[in-house]
PDB file of N, CA and C in Angstrom:
ATOM      1  N   MET A   1     188.527 -84.714  70.080  1.00  0.00           N
ATOM      2  CA  MET A   1     189.115 -84.495  71.395  1.00  0.00           C
ATOM      3  C   MET A   1     190.626 -84.303  71.290  1.00  0.00           C
ATOM      4  N   ALA A   2     191.274 -85.107  70.454  1.00  0.00           N
ATOM      5  CA  ALA A   2     192.726 -84.981  70.290  1.00  0.00           C
ATOM      6  C   ALA A   2     193.093 -83.615  69.735  1.00  0.00           C
ATOM      7  N   ARG A   3     192.220 -83.098  68.865  1.00  0.00           N
ATOM      8  CA  ARG A   3     192.490 -81.776  68.279  1.00  0.00           C
ATOM      9  C   ARG A   3     192.481 -80.698  69.358  1.00  0.00           C
ATOM     10  N   ARG A   4     191.542 -80.814  70.282  1.00  0.00           N
ATOM     11  CA  ARG A   4     191.446 -79.842  71.373  1.00  0.00           C
ATOM     12  C   ARG A   4     192.679 -79.931  72.279  1.00  0.00           C
ATOM     13  N   ILE A   5     193.133 -81.137  72.531  1.00  0.00           N
ATOM     14  CA  ILE A   5     194.334 -81.329  73.349  1.00  0.00           C
ATOM     15  C   ILE A   5     195.543 -80.715  72.644  1.00  0.00           C
ATOM     16  N   HIS A   6     195.615 -80.903  71.330  1.00  0.00           N
ATOM     17  CA  HIS A   6     196.728 -80.323  70.565  1.00  0.00           C
ATOM     18  C   HIS A   6     196.731 -78.805  70.678  1.00  0.00           C
ATOM     19  N   LYS A   7     195.560 -78.203  70.563  1.00  0.00           N
ATOM     20  CA  LYS A   7     195.468 -76.742  70.681  1.00  0.00           C
ATOM     21  C   LYS A   7     195.943 -76.285  72.060  1.00  0.00           C
ATOM     22  N   ARG A   8     195.520 -77.010  73.087  1.00  0.00           N
ATOM     23  CA  ARG A   8     195.934 -76.652  74.446  1.00  0.00           C
ATOM     24  C   ARG A   8     197.441 -76.823  74.621  1.00  0.00           C
ATOM     25  N   LEU A   9     197.989 -77.878  74.015  1.00  0.00           N
ATOM     26  CA  LEU A   9     199.438 -78.096  74.097  1.00  0.00           C
ATOM     27  C   LEU A   9     200.207 -76.969  73.418  1.00  0.00           C
ATOM     28  N   PHE A  10     199.712 -76.522  72.255  1.00  0.00           N
ATOM     29  CA  PHE A  10     200.381 -75.416  71.568  1.00  0.00           C
ATOM     30  C   PHE A  10     200.302 -74.131  72.384  1.00  0.00           C
ATOM     31  N   LYS A  11     199.150 -73.904  73.007  1.00  0.00           N
ATOM     32  CA  LYS A  11     198.993 -72.715  73.832  1.00  0.00           C
ATOM     33  C   LYS A  11     199.957 -72.765  75.025  1.00  0.00           C
ATOM     34  N   ILE A  12     200.062 -73.924  75.653  1.00  0.00           N
ATOM     35  CA  ILE A  12     200.994 -74.083  76.773  1.00  0.00           C
ATOM     36  C   ILE A  12     202.429 -73.866  76.310  1.00  0.00           C
ATOM     37  N   ALA A  13     202.764 -74.411  75.156  1.00  0.00           N
ATOM     38  CA  ALA A  13     204.122 -74.232  74.625  1.00  0.00           C
ATOM     39  C   ALA A  13     204.430 -72.752  74.410  1.00  0.00           C
ATOM     40  N   ASP A  14     203.468 -72.015  73.871  1.00  0.00           N
ATOM     41  CA  ASP A  14     203.662 -70.572  73.669  1.00  0.00           C
ATOM     42  C   ASP A  14     203.852 -69.849  75.001  1.00  0.00           C
ATOM     43  N   GLU A  15     203.052 -70.223  75.985  1.00  0.00           N
ATOM     44  CA  GLU A  15     203.181 -69.597  77.310  1.00  0.00           C
ATOM     45  C   GLU A  15     204.541 -69.913  77.935  1.00  0.00           C
ATOM     46  N   LEU A  16     205.012 -71.140  77.754  1.00  0.00           N
ATOM     47  CA  LEU A  16     206.318 -71.519  78.303  1.00  0.00           C
ATOM     48  C   LEU A  16     207.446 -70.719  77.650  1.00  0.00           C
ATOM     49  N   VAL A  17     207.344 -70.510  76.358  1.00  0.00           N
ATOM     50  CA  VAL A  17     208.361 -69.705  75.663  1.00  0.00           C
ATOM     51  C   VAL A  17     208.355 -68.276  76.215  1.00  0.00           C
ATOM     52  N   ALA A  18     207.163 -67.717  76.368  1.00  0.00           N
ATOM     53  CA  ALA A  18     207.054 -66.351  76.894  1.00  0.00           C
ATOM     54  C   ALA A  18     207.611 -66.269  78.314  1.00  0.00           C
ATOM     55  N   LEU A  19     207.323 -67.287  79.121  1.00  0.00           N
ATOM     56  CA  LEU A  19     207.841 -67.297  80.493  1.00  0.00           C
ATOM     57  C   LEU A  19     209.364 -67.390  80.516  1.00  0.00           C
ATOM     58  N   ARG A  20     209.926 -68.203  79.635  1.00  0.00           N
ATOM     59  CA  ARG A  20     211.392 -68.319  79.586  1.00  0.00           C
ATOM     60  C   ARG A  20     212.027 -66.983  79.201  1.00  0.00           C
ATOM     61  N   GLN A  21     211.403 -66.291  78.250  1.00  0.00           N
ATOM     62  CA  GLN A  21     211.925 -64.981  77.849  1.00  0.00           C
ATOM     63  C   GLN A  21     211.826 -63.988  79.004  1.00  0.00           C
ATOM     64  N   GLU A  22     210.684 -63.979  79.678  1.00  0.00           N
ATOM     65  CA  GLU A  22     210.523 -63.074  80.811  1.00  0.00           C
ATOM     66  C   GLU A  22     211.504 -63.427  81.922  1.00  0.00           C
ATOM     67  N   GLU A  23     211.695 -64.721  82.161  1.00  0.00           N
ATOM     68  CA  GLU A  23     212.621 -65.156  83.201  1.00  0.00           C
ATOM     69  C   GLU A  23     214.044 -64.681  82.901  1.00  0.00           C
ATOM     70  N   THR A  24     214.442 -64.754  81.646  1.00  0.00           N
ATOM     71  CA  THR A  24     215.768 -64.285  81.250  1.00  0.00           C
ATOM     72  C   THR A  24     215.914 -62.787  81.511  1.00  0.00           C
ATOM     73  N   GLN A  25     214.894 -62.024  81.145  1.00  0.00           N
ATOM     74  CA  GLN A  25     214.930 -60.578  81.348  1.00  0.00           C
ATOM     75  C   GLN A  25     214.926 -60.216  82.832  1.00  0.00           C
ATOM     76  N   VAL A  26     214.058 -60.844  83.585  1.00  0.00           N
ATOM     77  CA  VAL A  26     213.958 -60.548  85.019  1.00  0.00           C
ATOM     78  C   VAL A  26     215.246 -60.941  85.733  1.00  0.00           C
ATOM     79  N   SER A  27     215.823 -62.061  85.327  1.00  0.00           N
ATOM     80  CA  SER A  27     217.075 -62.508  85.939  1.00  0.00           C
ATOM     81  C   SER A  27     218.205 -61.508  85.677  1.00  0.00           C
ATOM     82  N   ALA A  28     218.261 -60.997  84.462  1.00  0.00           N
ATOM     83  CA  ALA A  28     219.284 -60.001  84.130  1.00  0.00           C
ATOM     84  C   ALA A  28     219.067 -58.724  84.943  1.00  0.00           C
ATOM     85  N   GLU A  29     217.818 -58.296  85.050  1.00  0.00           N
ATOM     86  CA  GLU A  29     217.528 -57.105  85.841  1.00  0.00           C
ATOM     87  C   GLU A  29     217.832 -57.328  87.316  1.00  0.00           C
ATOM     88  N   LEU A  30     217.562 -58.525  87.804  1.00  0.00           N
ATOM     89  CA  LEU A  30     217.871 -58.850  89.195  1.00  0.00           C
ATOM     90  C   LEU A  30     219.377 -58.757  89.436  1.00  0.00           C
ATOM     91  N   ASP A  31     220.168 -59.299  88.537  1.00  0.00           N
ATOM     92  CA  ASP A  31     221.629 -59.195  88.680  1.00  0.00           C
ATOM     93  C   ASP A  31     222.069 -57.735  88.746  1.00  0.00           C
ATOM     94  N   TYR A  32     221.493 -56.925  87.873  1.00  0.00           N
ATOM     95  CA  TYR A  32     221.823 -55.500  87.843  1.00  0.00           C
ATOM     96  C   TYR A  32     221.436 -54.832  89.173  1.00  0.00           C
ATOM     97  N   HIS A  33     220.227 -55.092  89.637  1.00  0.00           N
ATOM     98  CA  HIS A  33     219.767 -54.464  90.878  1.00  0.00           C
ATOM     99  C   HIS A  33     220.519 -54.989  92.101  1.00  0.00           C
ATOM    100  N   ARG A  34     220.913 -56.245  92.072  1.00  0.00           N
ATOM    101  CA  ARG A  34     221.729 -56.763  93.177  1.00  0.00           C
ATOM    102  C   ARG A  34     223.072 -56.048  93.234  1.00  0.00           C
ATOM    103  N   SER A  35     223.651 -55.784  92.084  1.00  0.00           N
ATOM    104  CA  SER A  35     224.927 -55.075  92.033  1.00  0.00           C
ATOM    105  C   SER A  35     224.776 -53.665  92.603  1.00  0.00           C
ATOM    106  N   ILE A  36     223.740 -52.982  92.169  1.00  0.00           N
ATOM    107  CA  ILE A  36     223.475 -51.637  92.686  1.00  0.00           C
ATOM    108  C   ILE A  36     223.223 -51.695  94.191  1.00  0.00           C
ATOM    109  N   ASN A  37     222.406 -52.671  94.603  1.00  0.00           N
ATOM    110  CA  ASN A  37     222.068 -52.795  96.022  1.00  0.00           C
ATOM    111  C   ASN A  37     223.320 -53.041  96.866  1.00  0.00           C
ATOM    112  N   ASP A  38     224.222 -53.881  96.392  1.00  0.00           N
ATOM    113  CA  ASP A  38     225.459 -54.135  97.132  1.00  0.00           C
ATOM    114  C   ASP A  38     226.232 -52.838  97.360  1.00  0.00           C
ATOM    115  N   ASP A  39     226.356 -52.036  96.309  1.00  0.00           N
ATOM    116  CA  ASP A  39     227.074 -50.767  96.421  1.00  0.00           C
ATOM    117  C   ASP A  39     226.382 -49.811  97.382  1.00  0.00           C
ATOM    118  N   VAL A  40     225.065 -49.711  97.250  1.00  0.00           N
ATOM    119  CA  VAL A  40     224.304 -48.780  98.086  1.00  0.00           C
ATOM    120  C   VAL A  40     224.336 -49.228  99.553  1.00  0.00           C
ATOM    121  N   GLN A  41     224.213 -50.527  99.791  1.00  0.00           N
ATOM    122  CA  GLN A  41     224.264 -51.023 101.168  1.00  0.00           C
ATOM    123  C   GLN A  41     225.627 -50.706 101.797  1.00  0.00           C
ATOM    124  N   ARG A  42     226.671 -50.906 101.021  1.00  0.00           N
ATOM    125  CA  ARG A  42     228.021 -50.611 101.510  1.00  0.00           C
ATOM    126  C   ARG A  42     228.156 -49.122 101.824  1.00  0.00           C
ATOM    127  N   ASP A  43     227.653 -48.268 100.921  1.00  0.00           N
ATOM    128  CA  ASP A  43     227.717 -46.822 101.147  1.00  0.00           C
ATOM    129  C   ASP A  43     226.944 -46.424 102.400  1.00  0.00           C
ATOM    130  N   ALA A  44     225.789 -47.053 102.612  1.00  0.00           N
ATOM    131  CA  ALA A  44     224.971 -46.713 103.775  1.00  0.00           C
ATOM    132  C   ALA A  44     225.679 -47.086 105.069  1.00  0.00           C
ATOM    133  N   VAL A  45     226.386 -48.196 105.063  1.00  0.00           N
ATOM    134  CA  VAL A  45     227.106 -48.623 106.268  1.00  0.00           C
ATOM    135  C   VAL A  45     228.294 -47.702 106.535  1.00  0.00           C
ATOM    136  N   VAL A  46     228.995 -47.366 105.485  1.00  0.00           N
ATOM    137  CA  VAL A  46     230.203 -46.549 105.639  1.00  0.00           C
ATOM    138  C   VAL A  46     229.857 -45.115 106.040  1.00  0.00           C
ATOM    139  N   SER A  47     228.893 -44.519 105.332  1.00  0.00           N
ATOM    140  CA  SER A  47     228.605 -43.106 105.598  1.00  0.00           C
ATOM    141  C   SER A  47     227.650 -42.918 106.778  1.00  0.00           C
ATOM    142  N   GLY A  48     226.681 -43.818 106.896  1.00  0.00           N
ATOM    143  CA  GLY A  48     225.697 -43.688 107.957  1.00  0.00           C
ATOM    144  C   GLY A  48     224.709 -42.557 107.729  1.00  0.00           C
ATOM    145  N   ALA A  49     224.782 -41.914 106.574  1.00  0.00           N
ATOM    146  CA  ALA A  49     223.881 -40.801 106.272  1.00  0.00           C
ATOM    147  C   ALA A  49     222.451 -41.312 106.085  1.00  0.00           C
ATOM    148  N   ASN A  50     221.512 -40.484 106.507  1.00  0.00           N
ATOM    149  CA  ASN A  50     220.101 -40.855 106.422  1.00  0.00           C
ATOM    150  C   ASN A  50     219.674 -41.110 104.979  1.00  0.00           C
ATOM    151  N   MET A  51     220.115 -40.290 104.044  1.00  0.00           N
ATOM    152  CA  MET A  51     219.763 -40.470 102.633  1.00  0.00           C
ATOM    153  C   MET A  51     220.293 -41.804 102.112  1.00  0.00           C
ATOM    154  N   ASP A  52     221.490 -42.168 102.500  1.00  0.00           N
ATOM    155  CA  ASP A  52     222.065 -43.441 102.069  1.00  0.00           C
ATOM    156  C   ASP A  52     221.262 -44.616 102.619  1.00  0.00           C
ATOM    157  N   ARG A  53     220.804 -44.490 103.834  1.00  0.00           N
ATOM    158  CA  ARG A  53     219.986 -45.570 104.429  1.00  0.00           C
ATOM    159  C   ARG A  53     218.641 -45.691 103.718  1.00  0.00           C
ATOM    160  N   LEU A  54     218.047 -44.550 103.363  1.00  0.00           N
ATOM    161  CA  LEU A  54     216.778 -44.573 102.630  1.00  0.00           C
ATOM    162  C   LEU A  54     216.957 -45.210 101.254  1.00  0.00           C
ATOM    163  N   GLU A  55     218.036 -44.830 100.587  1.00  0.00           N
ATOM    164  CA  GLU A  55     218.311 -45.409  99.273  1.00  0.00           C
ATOM    165  C   GLU A  55     218.591 -46.908  99.392  1.00  0.00           C
ATOM    166  N   ALA A  56     219.278 -47.311 100.451  1.00  0.00           N
ATOM    167  CA  ALA A  56     219.570 -48.732 100.670  1.00  0.00           C
ATOM    168  C   ALA A  56     218.274 -49.507 100.864  1.00  0.00           C
ATOM    169  N   SER A  57     217.339 -48.930 101.569  1.00  0.00           N
ATOM    170  CA  SER A  57     216.041 -49.582 101.769  1.00  0.00           C
ATOM    171  C   SER A  57     215.302 -49.732 100.447  1.00  0.00           C
ATOM    172  N   SER A  58     215.363 -48.703  99.646  1.00  0.00           N
ATOM    173  CA  SER A  58     214.680 -48.719  98.350  1.00  0.00           C
ATOM    174  C   SER A  58     215.284 -49.763  97.411  1.00  0.00           C
ATOM    175  N   THR A  59     216.606 -49.817  97.345  1.00  0.00           N
ATOM    176  CA  THR A  59     217.230 -50.786  96.436  1.00  0.00           C
ATOM    177  C   THR A  59     217.027 -52.216  96.927  1.00  0.00           C
ATOM    178  N   ALA A  60     216.976 -52.404  98.234  1.00  0.00           N
ATOM    179  CA  ALA A  60     216.709 -53.745  98.776  1.00  0.00           C
ATOM    180  C   ALA A  60     215.302 -54.199  98.389  1.00  0.00           C
ATOM    181  N   LYS A  61     214.358 -53.270  98.390  1.00  0.00           N
ATOM    182  CA  LYS A  61     212.990 -53.597  97.978  1.00  0.00           C
ATOM    183  C   LYS A  61     212.929 -53.946  96.498  1.00  0.00           C
ATOM    184  N   ASP A  62     213.733 -53.257  95.683  1.00  0.00           N
ATOM    185  CA  ASP A  62     213.796 -53.594  94.256  1.00  0.00           C
ATOM    186  C   ASP A  62     214.265 -55.036  94.065  1.00  0.00           C
ATOM    187  N   VAL A  63     215.300 -55.401  94.796  1.00  0.00           N
ATOM    188  CA  VAL A  63     215.831 -56.769  94.700  1.00  0.00           C
ATOM    189  C   VAL A  63     214.760 -57.769  95.123  1.00  0.00           C
ATOM    190  N   GLU A  64     214.081 -57.492  96.216  1.00  0.00           N
ATOM    191  CA  GLU A  64     213.019 -58.385  96.689  1.00  0.00           C
ATOM    192  C   GLU A  64     211.926 -58.549  95.641  1.00  0.00           C
ATOM    193  N   ARG A  65     211.579 -57.447  94.989  1.00  0.00           N
ATOM    194  CA  ARG A  65     210.530 -57.488  93.966  1.00  0.00           C
ATOM    195  C   ARG A  65     210.926 -58.408  92.803  1.00  0.00           C
ATOM    196  N   PHE A  66     212.172 -58.312  92.364  1.00  0.00           N
ATOM    197  CA  PHE A  66     212.618 -59.161  91.255  1.00  0.00           C
ATOM    198  C   PHE A  66     212.748 -60.622  91.675  1.00  0.00           C
ATOM    199  N   VAL A  67     213.173 -60.861  92.903  1.00  0.00           N
ATOM    200  CA  VAL A  67     213.251 -62.239  93.409  1.00  0.00           C
ATOM    201  C   VAL A  67     211.847 -62.845  93.459  1.00  0.00           C
ATOM    202  N   LYS A  68     210.894 -62.060  93.935  1.00  0.00           N
ATOM    203  CA  LYS A  68     209.508 -62.524  94.017  1.00  0.00           C
ATOM    204  C   LYS A  68     208.968 -62.841  92.627  1.00  0.00           C
ATOM    205  N   ARG A  69     209.254 -61.986  91.655  1.00  0.00           N
ATOM    206  CA  ARG A  69     208.756 -62.227  90.294  1.00  0.00           C
ATOM    207  C   ARG A  69     209.380 -63.486  89.703  1.00  0.00           C
ATOM    208  N   LEU A  70     210.666 -63.706  89.943  1.00  0.00           N
ATOM    209  CA  LEU A  70     211.295 -64.940  89.457  1.00  0.00           C
ATOM    210  C   LEU A  70     210.637 -66.169  90.068  1.00  0.00           C
ATOM    211  N   HIS A  71     210.294 -66.083  91.338  1.00  0.00           N
ATOM    212  CA  HIS A  71     209.612 -67.200  91.989  1.00  0.00           C
ATOM    213  C   HIS A  71     208.235 -67.432  91.360  1.00  0.00           C
ATOM    214  N   GLN A  72     207.509 -66.354  91.090  1.00  0.00           N
ATOM    215  CA  GLN A  72     206.191 -66.474  90.466  1.00  0.00           C
ATOM    216  C   GLN A  72     206.305 -67.126  89.085  1.00  0.00           C
ATOM    217  N   ILE A  73     207.307 -66.733  88.347  1.00  0.00           N
ATOM    218  CA  ILE A  73     207.523 -67.323  87.022  1.00  0.00           C
ATOM    219  C   ILE A  73     207.812 -68.809  87.155  1.00  0.00           C
ATOM    220  N   SER A  74     208.636 -69.163  88.104  1.00  0.00           N
ATOM    221  CA  SER A  74     208.988 -70.567  88.325  1.00  0.00           C
ATOM    222  C   SER A  74     207.758 -71.405  88.679  1.00  0.00           C
ATOM    223  N   VAL A  75     206.930 -70.881  89.560  1.00  0.00           N
ATOM    224  CA  VAL A  75     205.712 -71.589  89.960  1.00  0.00           C
ATOM    225  C   VAL A  75     204.783 -71.762  88.758  1.00  0.00           C
ATOM    226  N   ARG A  76     204.605 -70.697  87.987  1.00  0.00           N
ATOM    227  CA  ARG A  76     203.741 -70.766  86.796  1.00  0.00           C
ATOM    228  C   ARG A  76     204.284 -71.775  85.791  1.00  0.00           C
ATOM    229  N   ARG A  77     205.593 -71.761  85.574  1.00  0.00           N
ATOM    230  CA  ARG A  77     206.207 -72.695  84.628  1.00  0.00           C
ATOM    231  C   ARG A  77     205.996 -74.137  85.084  1.00  0.00           C
ATOM    232  N   GLU A  78     206.170 -74.402  86.372  1.00  0.00           N
ATOM    233  CA  GLU A  78     205.974 -75.761  86.896  1.00  0.00           C
ATOM    234  C   GLU A  78     204.539 -76.229  86.684  1.00  0.00           C
ATOM    235  N   LYS A  79     203.577 -75.339  86.906  1.00  0.00           N
ATOM    236  CA  LYS A  79     202.172 -75.695  86.695  1.00  0.00           C
ATOM    237  C   LYS A  79     201.910 -76.013  85.222  1.00  0.00           C
ATOM    238  N   LEU A  80     202.446 -75.178  84.346  1.00  0.00           N
ATOM    239  CA  LEU A  80     202.248 -75.412  82.917  1.00  0.00           C
ATOM    240  C   LEU A  80     202.907 -76.710  82.466  1.00  0.00           C
ATOM    241  N   GLU A  81     204.093 -76.984  82.959  1.00  0.00           N
ATOM    242  CA  GLU A  81     204.780 -78.225  82.584  1.00  0.00           C
ATOM    243  C   GLU A  81     204.014 -79.448  83.095  1.00  0.00           C
ATOM    244  N   SER A  82     203.441 -79.333  84.262  1.00  0.00           N
ATOM    245  CA  SER A  82     202.635 -80.420  84.808  1.00  0.00           C
ATOM    246  C   SER A  82     201.382 -80.636  83.958  1.00  0.00           C
ATOM    247  N   LYS A  83     200.742 -79.535  83.591  1.00  0.00           N
ATOM    248  CA  LYS A  83     199.552 -79.627  82.757  1.00  0.00           C
ATOM    249  C   LYS A  83     199.904 -80.222  81.396  1.00  0.00           C
ATOM    250  N   ARG A  84     201.039 -79.799  80.841  1.00  0.00           N
ATOM    251  CA  ARG A  84     201.474 -80.333  79.548  1.00  0.00           C
ATOM    252  C   ARG A  84     201.711 -81.844  79.645  1.00  0.00           C
ATOM    253  N   ALA A  85     202.365 -82.288  80.695  1.00  0.00           N
ATOM    254  CA  ALA A  85     202.622 -83.723  80.879  1.00  0.00           C
ATOM    255  C   ALA A  85     201.307 -84.492  80.983  1.00  0.00           C
ATOM    256  N   SER A  86     200.358 -83.931  81.693  1.00  0.00           N
ATOM    257  CA  SER A  86     199.044 -84.578  81.833  1.00  0.00           C
ATOM    258  C   SER A  86     198.354 -84.697  80.473  1.00  0.00           C
ATOM    259  N   LEU A  87     198.401 -83.627  79.692  1.00  0.00           N
ATOM    260  CA  LEU A  87     197.770 -83.651  78.372  1.00  0.00           C
ATOM    261  C   LEU A  87     198.460 -84.644  77.443  1.00  0.00           C
ATOM    262  N   LEU A  88     199.778 -84.710  77.519  1.00  0.00           N
ATOM    263  CA  LEU A  88     200.515 -85.650  76.672  1.00  0.00           C
ATOM    264  C   LEU A  88     200.153 -87.087  76.999  1.00  0.00           C
ATOM    265  N   ARG A  89     199.930 -87.365  78.278  1.00  0.00           N
ATOM    266  CA  ARG A  89     199.520 -88.728  78.659  1.00  0.00           C
ATOM    267  C   ARG A  89     198.161 -89.079  78.100  1.00  0.00           C
ATOM    268  N   ARG A  90     197.308 -88.070  77.924  1.00  0.00           N
ATOM    269  CA  ARG A  90     195.965 -88.320  77.421  1.00  0.00           C
ATOM    270  C   ARG A  90     195.907 -88.526  75.921  1.00  0.00           C
ATOM    271  N   LEU A  91     196.959 -88.179  75.228  1.00  0.00           N
ATOM    272  CA  LEU A  91     196.971 -88.372  73.767  1.00  0.00           C
ATOM    273  C   LEU A  91     197.070 -89.819  73.383  1.00  0.00           C
TER     274      LEU A  91
END
């Protein structure tokens, strides 16, 4: 039984490492898209052109998508950490 718990712990550890790497990448992309979105939103307000407003909507959706993914990663990481703690108590 302990061997099975060890295997599960190693699998969780691998998943946590992968999530941390993905979180780092998504966070960097979010920063980039937020910067672009800030510029585009400003341009849309200043110019008022229809194309600028469409682009502003698109970049805002990109930012939302990355924020949502970061939240999903956080939730998954919390679940894995909870499961890991439970398994460690059983050892």
